[in-house]
Amino acid sequence: MYRYDPIDQQLVDERVAQFRDQTARYLSGALSEEDFRAIRLQNGLYIQRHAPMLRVAIPYGELSARQLRQLARIAREYDRGYGHFSTRQNIQYNWPELARVPDILADLATVQMHAIQTSGNCVRNTTVDHLAGVAADEQVDPRPYAELIRQWSTFHPEFAALPRKFKIALSGATTDRAVVKAHDIGLNIRRNEEGEVGFEVFVGGGMGRTPVIGQRIRTWLPERDLLSYLDSMLRVYNLHGRRDNKYKARIKILVRELGIEEYTRQVDADWQVSGEASPSALTPEAIASIRAHFQDPVRADVHAPSLDELLAGRGPASELLTTDLPGFGAWIRRNTHAHRLAGHRAVSISLKRPGVAPGDATADEMDAIASLAQAHSAGELRVTHEQNLLLPWVPVASLPEVWRALQALGLARPNIGMVTNIIACPGGDFCDLANAKSLPIAQDLLARFERADEWFDIGPLDIKISGCINSCGHHHVGHIGVLGVDKHGEEWFQITVGGHAGNRPGQRAAFGKVIGPSMASAEVAPAIERMIERYIAIREHEDETFIDVLERTGIEPFKESAYATSD
């Protein structure tokens, strides 16, 4: 993974000192609320419903064990003993004291972390496939390019005050687990027949108030031109994007109003002038220098026991398995993933359990997971788009020990991709922008579908919940999506079906369709339960997924079930 050079460290340390002075001046009254607002947003600090919220950047979702331990210490010392992992692969603290935020940032800087540009109208944290670098279906590791974009976009003088926030995602695999077409700019990385790296470029995607699937602007962009072409794309947006109406300020609105042809023409015209001679043009040396940070920390182990051997009770690690073999097998099937290196698996750690908000982890849990990463995953882990954590470099022989440790922590629920792997934003419990509380809906659903055998009977099913139209819970791409709306000052919820993030082989990202009128909070979970019961009743075989049935029947059976009167 990437390590700061002296320039990185100096930039972050100087920003900490700068923000410490700015915060002191604000608290003393020397800096107005209006002037401080822009400053705090550029440093990841929001004012939420009950307290400030600090969003810490985790570039492309990659963490070291040492960094996770520091995040745990911050949760324990400055917050209420936990942190919230978000769908943008970041972590948020919901209860820091404003006067102590500069101390938090100083502590983060000691482990090469910061909160710069995690909010405000700037280029936000660039996200990638959480299996980047280890996925069995990966063509090109996107992490080096995400790091190049991070360095290019941080403190970029031309793009520090864009018309609106800006999000970029990359994927280098055949399966899109980063939802690239739902971002302002999405990049699929490929190799051509000559082995050269290039980018398929999409623009104008996004969820929120106006959900749009991004449109392709370039079929093949050579590797060297990545940053110079992004310069031109953002320059056209920065020139024409609306600043008089925040609801029409995103690049997706500009692309729609200009048309993709005209937007492309203007980008290409700008790039023809500046692209070849741009200081952003990537040299082979620059690319090689960044790639060197992402060398495999482990080697393929062709002599490792296979999963079949492990599950059959054979191999050097099999003695660790006793009477819990069925539970271990379920966990293997759902929570571990094929790896490109022989003898290894990537392991998802589910942060979805009754009584806990999706994505929350306590300081003690973070410390324990950091120890697991150190012992069994080359000291590295990832934050996923589904508000879970992932150990990317686990030897097959270590799987029983990792499973037992996660069981002891209550974090071995075999529900990745299943009905209880619910995504939910913090909603009205914390966020000032929310129209409704999303967490009680998530907890009601988790309680209803708690039994593991039910998860497997139901099959793959993604439920995603957002407390407002900003779609931080990604409800648009949920197989079942839930959106909180304000109805005469009361909390109501709109249900969509048929969305998907394109994170399964053969799928393309699509947005769900509203099934009917909004309903009261108490009606949401029962309605979803009836929809799932209807799905099970009308599927033609056990392997027919919820999405398969929906595509076969349309939404009418699910609408009918959702609005049926309970007995």
Protein backbone atom coordinates (compact mmCIF):
# COMPACT_ATOMS: atom_id res chain seq x y z
CA MET A 1 0.00 0.00 0.00
CA TYR A 2 1.05 3.60 -0.47
CA ARG A 3 3.32 5.29 2.08
CA TYR A 4 3.65 9.06 2.38
CA ASP A 5 6.79 10.68 1.06
CA PRO A 6 8.18 13.79 2.83
CA ILE A 7 6.03 16.10 0.69
CA ASP A 8 2.82 14.25 1.62
CA GLN A 9 3.70 14.37 5.29
CA GLN A 10 4.59 18.06 5.18
CA LEU A 11 1.31 18.94 3.48
CA VAL A 12 -0.74 17.06 6.06
CA ASP A 13 1.23 18.40 9.04
CA GLU A 14 0.92 21.98 7.78
CA ARG A 15 -2.81 21.55 7.25
CA VAL A 16 -3.19 20.35 10.86
CA ALA A 17 -1.36 23.42 12.17
CA GLN A 18 -3.41 25.69 9.93
CA PHE A 19 -6.71 24.19 11.06
CA ARG A 20 -5.67 24.35 14.71
CA ASP A 21 -5.17 28.11 14.37
CA GLN A 22 -8.43 28.54 12.43
CA THR A 23 -10.41 26.59 15.02
CA ALA A 24 -8.94 28.61 17.87
CA ARG A 25 -9.84 31.85 16.09
CA TYR A 26 -13.39 30.62 15.47
CA LEU A 27 -13.89 29.58 19.09
CA SER A 28 -12.57 32.94 20.28
CA GLY A 29 -15.00 34.79 18.01
CA ALA A 30 -12.31 36.18 15.70
CA LEU A 31 -13.58 34.07 12.79
CA SER A 32 -17.25 34.18 11.79
CA GLU A 33 -19.51 31.15 11.44
CA GLU A 34 -19.79 31.81 7.70
CA ASP A 35 -16.01 32.04 7.21
CA PHE A 36 -15.35 28.97 9.34
CA ARG A 37 -17.94 26.84 7.53
CA ALA A 38 -15.94 26.55 4.32
CA ILE A 39 -12.77 25.88 6.31
CA ARG A 40 -14.23 23.10 8.44
CA LEU A 41 -15.86 21.42 5.43
CA GLN A 42 -12.52 21.25 3.62
CA ASN A 43 -11.22 19.48 6.71
CA GLY A 44 -14.03 16.92 6.89
CA LEU A 45 -16.00 18.50 9.72
CA TYR A 46 -19.80 18.72 9.59
CA ILE A 47 -22.19 20.09 12.18
CA GLN A 48 -24.75 17.33 12.64
CA ARG A 49 -27.95 17.03 14.63
CA HIS A 50 -26.32 16.51 18.03
CA ALA A 51 -22.61 17.24 17.63
CA PRO A 52 -19.89 17.75 15.04
CA MET A 53 -19.19 14.81 12.75
CA LEU A 54 -15.66 14.21 11.50
CA ARG A 55 -15.20 12.22 8.30
CA VAL A 56 -11.72 10.72 7.95
CA ALA A 57 -10.37 9.84 4.51
CA ILE A 58 -9.42 6.25 3.79
CA PRO A 59 -8.07 6.58 0.23
CA TYR A 60 -9.53 3.82 -1.97
CA GLY A 61 -10.58 2.04 1.23
CA GLU A 62 -7.11 0.69 2.11
CA LEU A 63 -5.85 0.61 5.71
CA SER A 64 -2.90 -0.79 7.57
CA ALA A 65 -3.31 -2.54 10.92
CA ARG A 66 -1.42 0.35 12.51
CA GLN A 67 -3.84 2.87 11.05
CA LEU A 68 -6.87 0.91 12.24
CA ARG A 69 -5.43 0.83 15.74
CA GLN A 70 -5.09 4.60 15.64
CA LEU A 71 -8.71 4.91 14.48
CA ALA A 72 -9.69 2.72 17.44
CA ARG A 73 -7.70 4.91 19.84
CA ILE A 74 -9.36 8.04 18.48
CA ALA A 75 -12.80 6.47 18.92
CA ARG A 76 -11.94 5.62 22.51
CA GLU A 77 -10.25 8.90 23.47
CA TYR A 78 -12.18 11.53 21.52
CA ASP A 79 -15.57 9.97 20.75
CA ARG A 80 -17.95 7.47 22.33
CA GLY A 81 -15.93 4.36 21.69
CA TYR A 82 -16.96 3.54 18.14
CA GLY A 83 -16.69 4.67 14.53
CA HIS A 84 -18.98 4.38 11.51
CA PHE A 85 -17.64 2.98 8.22
CA SER A 86 -19.40 4.56 5.25
CA THR A 87 -20.32 3.54 1.70
CA ARG A 88 -17.55 5.89 0.46
CA GLN A 89 -14.94 3.67 2.15
CA ASN A 90 -14.31 6.28 4.86
CA ILE A 91 -14.85 6.35 8.63
CA GLN A 92 -16.96 8.89 10.50
CA TYR A 93 -16.92 9.93 14.14
CA ASN A 94 -20.28 11.21 15.34
CA TRP A 95 -19.43 12.78 18.70
CA PRO A 96 -16.09 14.66 18.66
CA GLU A 97 -15.74 17.91 20.58
CA LEU A 98 -14.98 20.75 18.17
CA ALA A 99 -12.10 22.13 20.24
CA ARG A 100 -10.37 18.71 20.14
CA VAL A 101 -10.73 18.08 16.40
CA PRO A 102 -7.27 19.58 15.66
CA ASP A 103 -5.82 17.06 18.14
CA ILE A 104 -7.58 14.24 16.27
CA LEU A 105 -6.14 15.46 12.98
CA ALA A 106 -2.67 15.65 14.53
CA ASP A 107 -2.99 12.05 15.76
CA LEU A 108 -4.16 10.94 12.31
CA ALA A 109 -1.13 12.60 10.72
CA THR A 110 1.18 10.37 12.77
CA VAL A 111 -0.14 7.33 10.85
CA GLN A 112 -0.34 9.07 7.46
CA MET A 113 -4.06 9.85 7.54
CA HIS A 114 -6.15 13.01 7.29
CA ALA A 115 -9.66 14.38 6.73
CA ILE A 116 -8.79 16.71 3.84
CA GLN A 117 -11.45 17.03 1.12
CA THR A 118 -13.84 14.53 2.69
CA SER A 119 -16.53 17.18 2.40
CA GLY A 120 -17.11 20.45 0.57
CA ASN A 121 -17.35 21.18 -3.14
CA CYS A 122 -14.17 19.44 -4.20
CA VAL A 123 -12.94 16.09 -5.51
CA ARG A 124 -13.82 13.66 -2.73
CA ASN A 125 -12.24 10.36 -1.72
CA THR A 126 -11.64 8.29 -4.87
CA THR A 127 -13.10 4.82 -4.47
CA VAL A 128 -12.26 1.46 -6.04
CA ASP A 129 -13.35 -2.17 -5.97
CA HIS A 130 -12.73 -3.35 -2.40
CA LEU A 131 -11.15 -6.50 -3.87
CA ALA A 132 -8.67 -4.41 -5.84
CA GLY A 133 -5.31 -6.11 -6.16
CA VAL A 134 -6.63 -9.53 -5.09
CA ALA A 135 -9.75 -10.20 -7.17
CA ALA A 136 -9.65 -13.34 -9.29
CA ASP A 137 -11.38 -11.52 -12.17
CA GLU A 138 -9.14 -8.44 -12.11
CA GLN A 139 -7.35 -7.31 -15.29
CA VAL A 140 -5.56 -4.28 -13.84
CA ASP A 141 -5.08 -3.20 -10.21
CA PRO A 142 -6.87 0.19 -9.92
CA ARG A 143 -5.16 1.27 -6.68
CA PRO A 144 -2.06 2.90 -8.26
CA TYR A 145 -4.31 5.02 -10.48
CA ALA A 146 -6.54 5.92 -7.54
CA GLU A 147 -3.42 7.06 -5.70
CA LEU A 148 -2.36 9.16 -8.70
CA ILE A 149 -5.83 10.75 -8.71
CA ARG A 150 -5.55 11.38 -4.96
CA GLN A 151 -2.27 13.20 -5.40
CA TRP A 152 -3.52 15.11 -8.44
CA SER A 153 -6.79 16.21 -6.82
CA THR A 154 -5.58 17.09 -3.31
CA PHE A 155 -5.26 20.89 -3.06
CA HIS A 156 -5.71 21.18 -6.85
CA PRO A 157 -5.92 24.99 -7.15
CA GLU A 158 -8.39 24.97 -10.04
CA PHE A 159 -10.77 22.44 -8.51
CA ALA A 160 -10.81 23.40 -4.82
CA ALA A 161 -14.15 25.21 -5.14
CA LEU A 162 -16.21 23.33 -7.72
CA PRO A 163 -19.92 23.98 -8.32
CA ARG A 164 -20.67 20.87 -6.24
CA LYS A 165 -18.98 17.83 -4.68
CA PHE A 166 -17.29 15.49 -7.15
CA LYS A 167 -16.81 11.72 -6.95
CA ILE A 168 -14.59 9.42 -9.01
CA ALA A 169 -14.55 5.60 -8.98
CA LEU A 170 -12.33 3.02 -10.69
CA SER A 171 -12.60 -0.67 -11.44
CA GLY A 172 -10.07 -2.98 -13.06
CA ALA A 173 -12.13 -6.18 -12.92
CA THR A 174 -14.66 -7.78 -15.23
CA THR A 175 -17.27 -7.44 -12.46
CA ASP A 176 -17.95 -3.83 -11.46
CA ARG A 177 -17.89 -3.77 -7.66
CA ALA A 178 -17.26 0.01 -7.57
CA VAL A 179 -20.45 1.07 -9.43
CA VAL A 180 -18.40 3.24 -11.78
CA LYS A 181 -21.42 4.35 -13.84
CA ALA A 182 -23.06 5.89 -10.77
CA HIS A 183 -20.24 8.43 -10.28
CA ASP A 184 -19.44 11.86 -11.65
CA ILE A 185 -16.54 10.19 -13.45
CA GLY A 186 -16.21 6.42 -13.69
CA LEU A 187 -13.15 4.61 -15.03
CA ASN A 188 -12.92 1.01 -16.20
CA ILE A 189 -9.28 0.00 -16.58
CA ARG A 190 -8.41 -2.48 -19.31
CA ARG A 191 -5.47 -3.92 -21.28
CA ASN A 192 -5.55 -4.01 -25.07
CA GLU A 193 -4.17 -6.81 -27.24
CA GLU A 194 -0.68 -5.29 -26.99
CA GLY A 195 -0.88 -5.36 -23.19
CA GLU A 196 -1.14 -1.57 -22.88
CA VAL A 197 -3.24 -0.10 -20.08
CA GLY A 198 -6.07 2.29 -20.93
CA PHE A 199 -9.35 3.60 -19.56
CA GLU A 200 -12.97 3.41 -20.59
CA VAL A 201 -14.31 6.74 -19.31
CA PHE A 202 -17.88 7.46 -18.15
CA VAL A 203 -19.24 10.84 -17.08
CA GLY A 204 -22.38 12.26 -15.51
CA GLY A 205 -23.49 9.37 -13.35
CA GLY A 206 -24.81 9.67 -9.84
CA MET A 207 -27.56 8.84 -7.40
CA GLY A 208 -29.24 11.44 -5.20
CA ARG A 209 -32.12 13.66 -6.28
CA THR A 210 -31.62 12.91 -9.98
CA PRO A 211 -30.31 9.35 -10.40
CA VAL A 212 -28.44 8.98 -13.69
CA ILE A 213 -26.38 6.19 -15.25
CA GLY A 214 -23.12 7.68 -16.55
CA GLN A 215 -22.48 7.92 -20.29
CA ARG A 216 -19.33 6.82 -22.04
CA ILE A 217 -17.17 9.69 -23.22
CA ARG A 218 -14.05 7.71 -24.21
CA THR A 219 -13.82 4.04 -25.21
CA TRP A 220 -10.03 4.04 -24.82
CA LEU A 221 -7.96 6.66 -23.05
CA PRO A 222 -4.23 5.87 -22.98
CA GLU A 223 -2.64 5.49 -19.57
CA ARG A 224 -0.38 8.53 -19.92
CA ASP A 225 -3.36 10.81 -20.58
CA LEU A 226 -5.42 9.94 -17.51
CA LEU A 227 -4.78 13.03 -15.39
CA SER A 228 -4.57 15.51 -18.26
CA TYR A 229 -7.94 14.30 -19.58
CA LEU A 230 -9.47 14.52 -16.09
CA ASP A 231 -8.15 18.10 -15.99
CA SER A 232 -10.11 18.91 -19.13
CA MET A 233 -13.26 17.12 -17.94
CA LEU A 234 -13.31 19.04 -14.67
CA ARG A 235 -12.30 22.30 -16.33
CA VAL A 236 -15.38 22.24 -18.59
CA TYR A 237 -17.57 21.39 -15.60
CA ASN A 238 -15.99 24.10 -13.47
CA LEU A 239 -16.62 26.64 -16.25
CA HIS A 240 -20.27 25.82 -16.95
CA GLY A 241 -21.57 24.13 -13.78
CA ARG A 242 -24.42 25.89 -12.00
CA ARG A 243 -23.49 27.79 -8.85
CA ASP A 244 -26.86 29.48 -8.38
CA ASN A 245 -28.78 26.28 -7.63
CA LYS A 246 -27.15 23.41 -5.72
CA TYR A 247 -29.80 20.99 -6.95
CA LYS A 248 -28.67 21.60 -10.53
CA ALA A 249 -24.96 21.90 -9.84
CA ARG A 250 -23.72 18.33 -10.33
CA ILE A 251 -21.95 17.40 -13.55
CA LYS A 252 -24.76 14.99 -14.44
CA ILE A 253 -27.07 17.99 -14.90
CA LEU A 254 -24.52 19.80 -17.05
CA VAL A 255 -24.01 16.73 -19.25
CA ARG A 256 -27.76 16.36 -19.64
CA GLU A 257 -28.26 20.01 -20.54
CA LEU A 258 -25.31 20.26 -22.92
CA GLY A 259 -25.77 16.75 -24.29
CA ILE A 260 -23.00 14.18 -24.21
CA GLU A 261 -21.83 15.12 -27.72
CA GLU A 262 -21.37 18.82 -26.91
CA TYR A 263 -19.80 18.11 -23.54
CA THR A 264 -17.37 15.71 -25.24
CA ARG A 265 -16.58 18.25 -27.93
CA GLN A 266 -15.69 20.90 -25.35
CA VAL A 267 -13.57 18.48 -23.30
CA ASP A 268 -11.69 17.30 -26.38
CA ALA A 269 -11.15 20.88 -27.55
CA ASP A 270 -9.67 21.82 -24.18
CA TRP A 271 -7.56 18.68 -24.09
CA GLN A 272 -6.19 19.21 -27.61
CA VAL A 273 -4.82 22.55 -26.43
CA SER A 274 -3.37 21.40 -23.11
CA GLY A 275 -3.22 17.60 -23.09
CA GLU A 276 0.02 16.82 -24.90
CA ALA A 277 2.02 19.46 -23.07
CA SER A 278 0.17 19.14 -19.76
CA PRO A 279 2.29 18.80 -16.63
CA SER A 280 -0.32 16.18 -15.62
CA ALA A 281 0.77 13.82 -18.42
CA LEU A 282 1.96 10.57 -16.85
CA THR A 283 5.44 9.32 -17.64
CA PRO A 284 6.33 5.62 -17.43
CA GLU A 285 8.66 6.49 -14.55
CA ALA A 286 5.88 8.18 -12.58
CA ILE A 287 3.54 5.23 -13.09
CA ALA A 288 6.23 2.71 -12.16
CA SER A 289 7.06 4.68 -9.02
CA ILE A 290 3.47 4.53 -7.78
CA ARG A 291 2.99 0.90 -8.78
CA ALA A 292 6.01 -0.03 -6.69
CA HIS A 293 3.97 0.79 -3.59
CA PHE A 294 1.40 -1.87 -4.47
CA GLN A 295 3.54 -4.98 -4.77
CA ASP A 296 2.03 -8.15 -3.33
CA PRO A 297 2.91 -8.45 0.38
CA VAL A 298 2.55 -12.25 0.15
CA ARG A 299 3.39 -14.96 -2.38
CA ALA A 300 1.19 -17.59 -3.97
CA ASP A 301 1.20 -20.83 -2.03
CA VAL A 302 0.63 -23.70 -4.44
CA HIS A 303 1.14 -26.20 -1.61
CA ALA A 304 -1.61 -24.77 0.59
CA PRO A 305 -4.61 -27.00 1.31
CA SER A 306 -7.54 -26.39 -0.98
CA LEU A 307 -10.87 -25.26 0.42
CA ASP A 308 -12.34 -28.62 -0.47
CA GLU A 309 -9.66 -30.36 1.57
CA LEU A 310 -10.22 -28.01 4.49
CA LEU A 311 -13.98 -28.53 4.46
CA ALA A 312 -13.52 -32.29 4.12
CA GLY A 313 -11.41 -32.33 7.29
CA ARG A 314 -8.11 -32.92 5.54
CA GLY A 315 -4.98 -30.77 5.52
CA PRO A 316 -2.75 -29.17 8.18
CA ALA A 317 -5.39 -26.70 9.41
CA SER A 318 -8.25 -29.17 9.64
CA GLU A 319 -7.61 -30.04 13.28
CA LEU A 320 -8.82 -26.53 14.15
CA LEU A 321 -12.29 -27.57 12.99
CA THR A 322 -14.45 -29.66 15.28
CA THR A 323 -18.22 -29.75 15.69
CA ASP A 324 -18.76 -26.35 14.05
CA LEU A 325 -17.84 -27.48 10.55
CA PRO A 326 -21.27 -26.62 9.03
CA GLY A 327 -21.04 -23.07 10.34
CA PHE A 328 -17.52 -22.75 8.99
CA GLY A 329 -18.68 -23.93 5.57
CA ALA A 330 -21.48 -21.38 5.48
CA TRP A 331 -19.04 -18.63 6.38
CA ILE A 332 -16.59 -19.79 3.70
CA ARG A 333 -19.30 -19.70 1.02
CA ARG A 334 -20.65 -16.26 1.89
CA ASN A 335 -17.83 -14.31 3.52
CA THR A 336 -14.70 -15.39 1.65
CA HIS A 337 -13.84 -14.60 -1.94
CA ALA A 338 -11.75 -16.12 -4.71
CA HIS A 339 -8.21 -14.80 -4.79
CA ARG A 340 -5.83 -14.37 -7.73
CA LEU A 341 -2.99 -15.84 -5.65
CA ALA A 342 -3.01 -19.58 -5.09
CA GLY A 343 -3.51 -20.60 -1.48
CA HIS A 344 -5.31 -17.41 -0.40
CA ARG A 345 -8.81 -16.00 0.12
CA ALA A 346 -10.14 -12.52 0.77
CA VAL A 347 -12.28 -12.47 3.93
CA SER A 348 -15.23 -10.14 4.50
CA ILE A 349 -15.93 -9.14 8.10
CA SER A 350 -19.63 -8.39 8.45
CA LEU A 351 -20.49 -5.29 10.46
CA LYS A 352 -24.22 -6.08 10.26
CA ARG A 353 -25.78 -7.46 13.43
CA PRO A 354 -28.91 -6.82 15.52
CA GLY A 355 -28.69 -3.92 17.91
CA VAL A 356 -25.84 -2.19 16.06
CA ALA A 357 -26.09 0.38 13.27
CA PRO A 358 -24.82 -1.02 9.94
CA GLY A 359 -21.16 -0.09 9.52
CA ASP A 360 -20.48 0.66 13.19
CA ALA A 361 -17.49 -0.91 14.92
CA THR A 362 -16.33 -0.37 18.49
CA ALA A 363 -12.79 0.58 19.40
CA ASP A 364 -12.24 -2.87 20.90
CA GLU A 365 -13.50 -4.53 17.72
CA MET A 366 -11.20 -2.38 15.60
CA ASP A 367 -8.23 -3.31 17.75
CA ALA A 368 -9.09 -7.01 17.45
CA ILE A 369 -9.53 -6.77 13.68
CA ALA A 370 -6.20 -4.94 13.42
CA SER A 371 -4.57 -7.86 15.25
CA LEU A 372 -6.18 -10.31 12.83
CA ALA A 373 -4.92 -8.27 9.89
CA GLN A 374 -1.43 -8.23 11.37
CA ALA A 375 -1.41 -11.95 12.01
CA HIS A 376 -3.20 -13.25 8.93
CA SER A 377 -3.45 -10.55 6.21
CA ALA A 378 0.03 -9.04 5.82
CA GLY A 379 -1.02 -6.18 8.09
CA GLU A 380 -3.57 -4.84 5.57
CA LEU A 381 -7.36 -4.53 5.37
CA ARG A 382 -10.02 -2.74 3.36
CA VAL A 383 -13.25 -0.83 3.91
CA THR A 384 -15.97 -2.03 1.53
CA HIS A 385 -18.80 -0.14 -0.19
CA GLU A 386 -21.19 -2.29 1.83
CA GLN A 387 -20.02 -0.84 5.17
CA ASN A 388 -18.02 -3.94 6.05
CA LEU A 389 -14.29 -4.63 6.46
CA LEU A 390 -12.17 -7.05 4.46
CA LEU A 391 -8.92 -8.94 5.04
CA PRO A 392 -7.39 -9.20 1.56
CA TRP A 393 -4.41 -11.58 2.02
CA VAL A 394 -5.56 -14.50 4.17
CA PRO A 395 -3.87 -17.90 3.61
CA VAL A 396 -6.32 -20.78 3.24
CA ALA A 397 -4.65 -22.51 6.19
CA SER A 398 -5.49 -19.51 8.41
CA LEU A 399 -9.20 -19.51 7.64
CA PRO A 400 -10.30 -21.67 10.61
CA GLU A 401 -8.36 -19.52 13.07
CA VAL A 402 -9.69 -16.29 11.54
CA TRP A 403 -13.23 -17.67 11.64
CA ARG A 404 -12.96 -18.68 15.28
CA ALA A 405 -11.58 -15.27 16.23
CA LEU A 406 -14.40 -13.50 14.38
CA GLN A 407 -16.97 -15.79 15.99
CA ALA A 408 -15.68 -14.78 19.41
CA LEU A 409 -16.14 -11.14 18.39
CA GLY A 410 -19.65 -11.74 17.03
CA LEU A 411 -18.42 -10.75 13.56
CA ALA A 412 -18.62 -14.05 11.70
CA ARG A 413 -22.21 -13.77 10.49
CA PRO A 414 -22.27 -15.47 7.06
CA ASN A 415 -24.43 -12.85 5.41
CA ILE A 416 -22.38 -11.08 2.72
CA GLY A 417 -24.70 -10.54 -0.24
CA MET A 418 -27.67 -11.78 1.78
CA VAL A 419 -30.77 -10.10 3.16
CA THR A 420 -29.20 -9.02 6.47
CA ASN A 421 -26.18 -7.39 4.84
CA ILE A 422 -28.19 -4.17 4.99
CA ILE A 423 -26.67 -0.83 4.00
CA ALA A 424 -28.02 2.22 5.82
CA CYS A 425 -26.87 5.81 6.22
CA PRO A 426 -26.88 7.36 9.73
CA GLY A 427 -30.17 9.07 8.82
CA GLY A 428 -32.19 11.26 11.15
CA ASP A 429 -30.50 9.87 14.24
CA PHE A 430 -27.47 11.99 13.36
CA CYS A 431 -27.69 13.85 10.04
CA ASP A 432 -29.25 17.31 9.73
CA LEU A 433 -30.07 16.68 6.07
CA ALA A 434 -32.09 13.53 6.71
CA ASN A 435 -35.86 13.48 6.35
CA ALA A 436 -36.26 10.28 8.34
CA LYS A 437 -34.49 7.80 10.60
CA SER A 438 -33.02 4.94 8.60
CA LEU A 439 -31.38 2.98 11.44
CA PRO A 440 -34.64 1.81 13.13
CA ILE A 441 -35.80 0.40 9.78
CA ALA A 442 -32.50 -1.48 9.43
CA GLN A 443 -32.76 -2.86 12.96
CA ASP A 444 -36.35 -4.00 12.43
CA LEU A 445 -35.30 -5.89 9.30
CA LEU A 446 -32.24 -7.41 10.98
CA ALA A 447 -34.43 -8.70 13.79
CA ARG A 448 -36.95 -10.22 11.35
CA PHE A 449 -34.31 -12.07 9.33
CA GLU A 450 -31.86 -12.95 12.07
CA ARG A 451 -31.71 -16.74 11.61
CA ALA A 452 -28.89 -17.90 9.36
CA ASP A 453 -30.99 -20.58 7.63
CA GLU A 454 -33.36 -17.83 6.49
CA TRP A 455 -30.54 -15.93 4.82
CA PHE A 456 -29.70 -18.97 2.70
CA ASP A 457 -33.34 -19.80 1.96
CA ILE A 458 -33.90 -16.29 0.68
CA GLY A 459 -30.74 -16.18 -1.42
CA PRO A 460 -28.83 -13.09 -2.62
CA LEU A 461 -30.79 -9.93 -1.84
CA ASP A 462 -29.48 -6.39 -1.27
CA ILE A 463 -31.46 -3.99 0.91
CA LYS A 464 -30.23 -0.40 1.01
CA ILE A 465 -31.71 2.44 3.08
CA SER A 466 -31.25 6.22 2.77
CA GLY A 467 -32.66 8.81 5.16
CA CYS A 468 -32.92 11.43 2.42
CA ILE A 469 -32.65 11.96 -1.32
CA ASN A 470 -28.86 12.40 -1.13
CA SER A 471 -28.72 8.59 -1.25
CA CYS A 472 -25.81 8.03 1.13
CA GLY A 473 -27.31 4.56 1.68
CA HIS A 474 -27.29 3.90 -2.10
CA HIS A 475 -30.98 2.98 -2.08
CA HIS A 476 -31.22 3.52 -5.84
CA VAL A 477 -29.11 0.40 -6.49
CA GLY A 478 -30.72 -1.82 -3.87
CA HIS A 479 -32.67 -4.88 -4.98
CA ILE A 480 -35.01 -3.35 -2.44
CA GLY A 481 -34.38 0.32 -1.72
CA VAL A 482 -35.88 2.44 1.04
CA LEU A 483 -35.90 6.25 0.95
CA GLY A 484 -36.96 8.49 3.82
CA VAL A 485 -39.20 11.41 2.79
CA ASP A 486 -40.74 14.31 4.68
CA LYS A 487 -44.53 14.34 4.51
CA HIS A 488 -46.02 17.33 6.33
CA GLY A 489 -43.33 17.15 8.98
CA GLU A 490 -43.66 13.39 9.48
CA GLU A 491 -41.33 10.53 8.54
CA TRP A 492 -42.50 8.43 5.60
CA PHE A 493 -40.68 5.97 3.37
CA GLN A 494 -40.70 5.22 -0.32
CA ILE A 495 -39.82 1.70 -1.52
CA THR A 496 -38.07 0.86 -4.80
CA VAL A 497 -37.34 -2.54 -6.32
CA GLY A 498 -35.11 -3.80 -9.09
CA GLY A 499 -31.98 -1.75 -8.57
CA HIS A 500 -28.58 -3.36 -8.58
CA ALA A 501 -25.01 -2.16 -8.33
CA GLY A 502 -23.66 -4.37 -11.10
CA ASN A 503 -21.51 -6.19 -8.54
CA ARG A 504 -22.34 -9.68 -9.77
CA PRO A 505 -21.08 -11.32 -12.97
CA GLY A 506 -23.11 -10.29 -16.00
CA GLN A 507 -24.97 -7.49 -14.23
CA ARG A 508 -25.00 -3.84 -15.21
CA ALA A 509 -25.82 -1.13 -12.70
CA ALA A 510 -29.49 -0.12 -12.77
CA PHE A 511 -31.74 2.02 -10.59
CA GLY A 512 -34.83 0.68 -8.86
CA LYS A 513 -38.43 1.65 -9.61
CA VAL A 514 -40.82 3.11 -7.06
CA ILE A 515 -43.57 0.60 -6.33
CA GLY A 516 -46.18 3.02 -5.02
CA PRO A 517 -47.07 5.64 -2.42
CA SER A 518 -44.83 6.21 0.59
CA MET A 519 -45.70 4.49 3.85
CA ALA A 520 -45.27 5.14 7.56
CA SER A 521 -42.18 3.92 9.38
CA ALA A 522 -43.93 1.04 11.16
CA GLU A 523 -45.20 -0.33 7.85
CA VAL A 524 -41.84 -0.57 6.05
CA ALA A 525 -40.31 -3.74 7.50
CA PRO A 526 -43.61 -5.71 7.38
CA ALA A 527 -44.06 -4.63 3.76
CA ILE A 528 -40.56 -5.82 2.85
CA GLU A 529 -41.13 -9.07 4.71
CA ARG A 530 -44.29 -9.69 2.68
CA MET A 531 -42.43 -8.90 -0.54
CA ILE A 532 -39.75 -11.43 0.31
CA GLU A 533 -42.34 -14.05 1.23
CA ARG A 534 -44.00 -13.44 -2.15
CA TYR A 535 -40.66 -13.84 -3.91
CA ILE A 536 -40.04 -17.21 -2.22
CA ALA A 537 -43.56 -18.34 -3.09
CA ILE A 538 -43.35 -17.53 -6.82
CA ARG A 539 -39.76 -18.37 -7.65
CA GLU A 540 -39.48 -21.35 -9.96
CA HIS A 541 -36.47 -22.93 -8.22
CA GLU A 542 -34.16 -22.18 -5.28
CA ASP A 543 -31.47 -20.69 -7.50
CA GLU A 544 -33.82 -18.08 -8.98
CA THR A 545 -32.81 -14.84 -7.25
CA PHE A 546 -35.02 -11.95 -6.25
CA ILE A 547 -33.77 -9.95 -9.24
CA ASP A 548 -34.39 -12.92 -11.57
CA VAL A 549 -38.00 -13.18 -10.40
CA LEU A 550 -38.50 -9.44 -10.66
CA GLU A 551 -37.25 -9.41 -14.23
CA ARG A 552 -39.57 -12.30 -15.06
CA THR A 553 -42.74 -11.01 -13.39
CA GLY A 554 -42.36 -7.23 -13.20
CA ILE A 555 -43.05 -5.22 -10.06
CA GLU A 556 -46.80 -5.90 -9.74
CA PRO A 557 -46.59 -9.00 -7.49
CA PHE A 558 -44.25 -7.13 -5.14
CA LYS A 559 -46.36 -3.99 -5.15
CA GLU A 560 -49.43 -6.06 -4.34
CA SER A 561 -47.63 -7.76 -1.46
CA ALA A 562 -46.16 -4.55 -0.07
CA TYR A 563 -49.55 -2.86 0.21
CA ALA A 564 -51.50 -5.92 1.32
CA THR A 565 -53.24 -5.66 4.67
CA SER A 566 -51.58 -7.74 7.35
CA ASP A 567 -53.72 -10.42 9.01
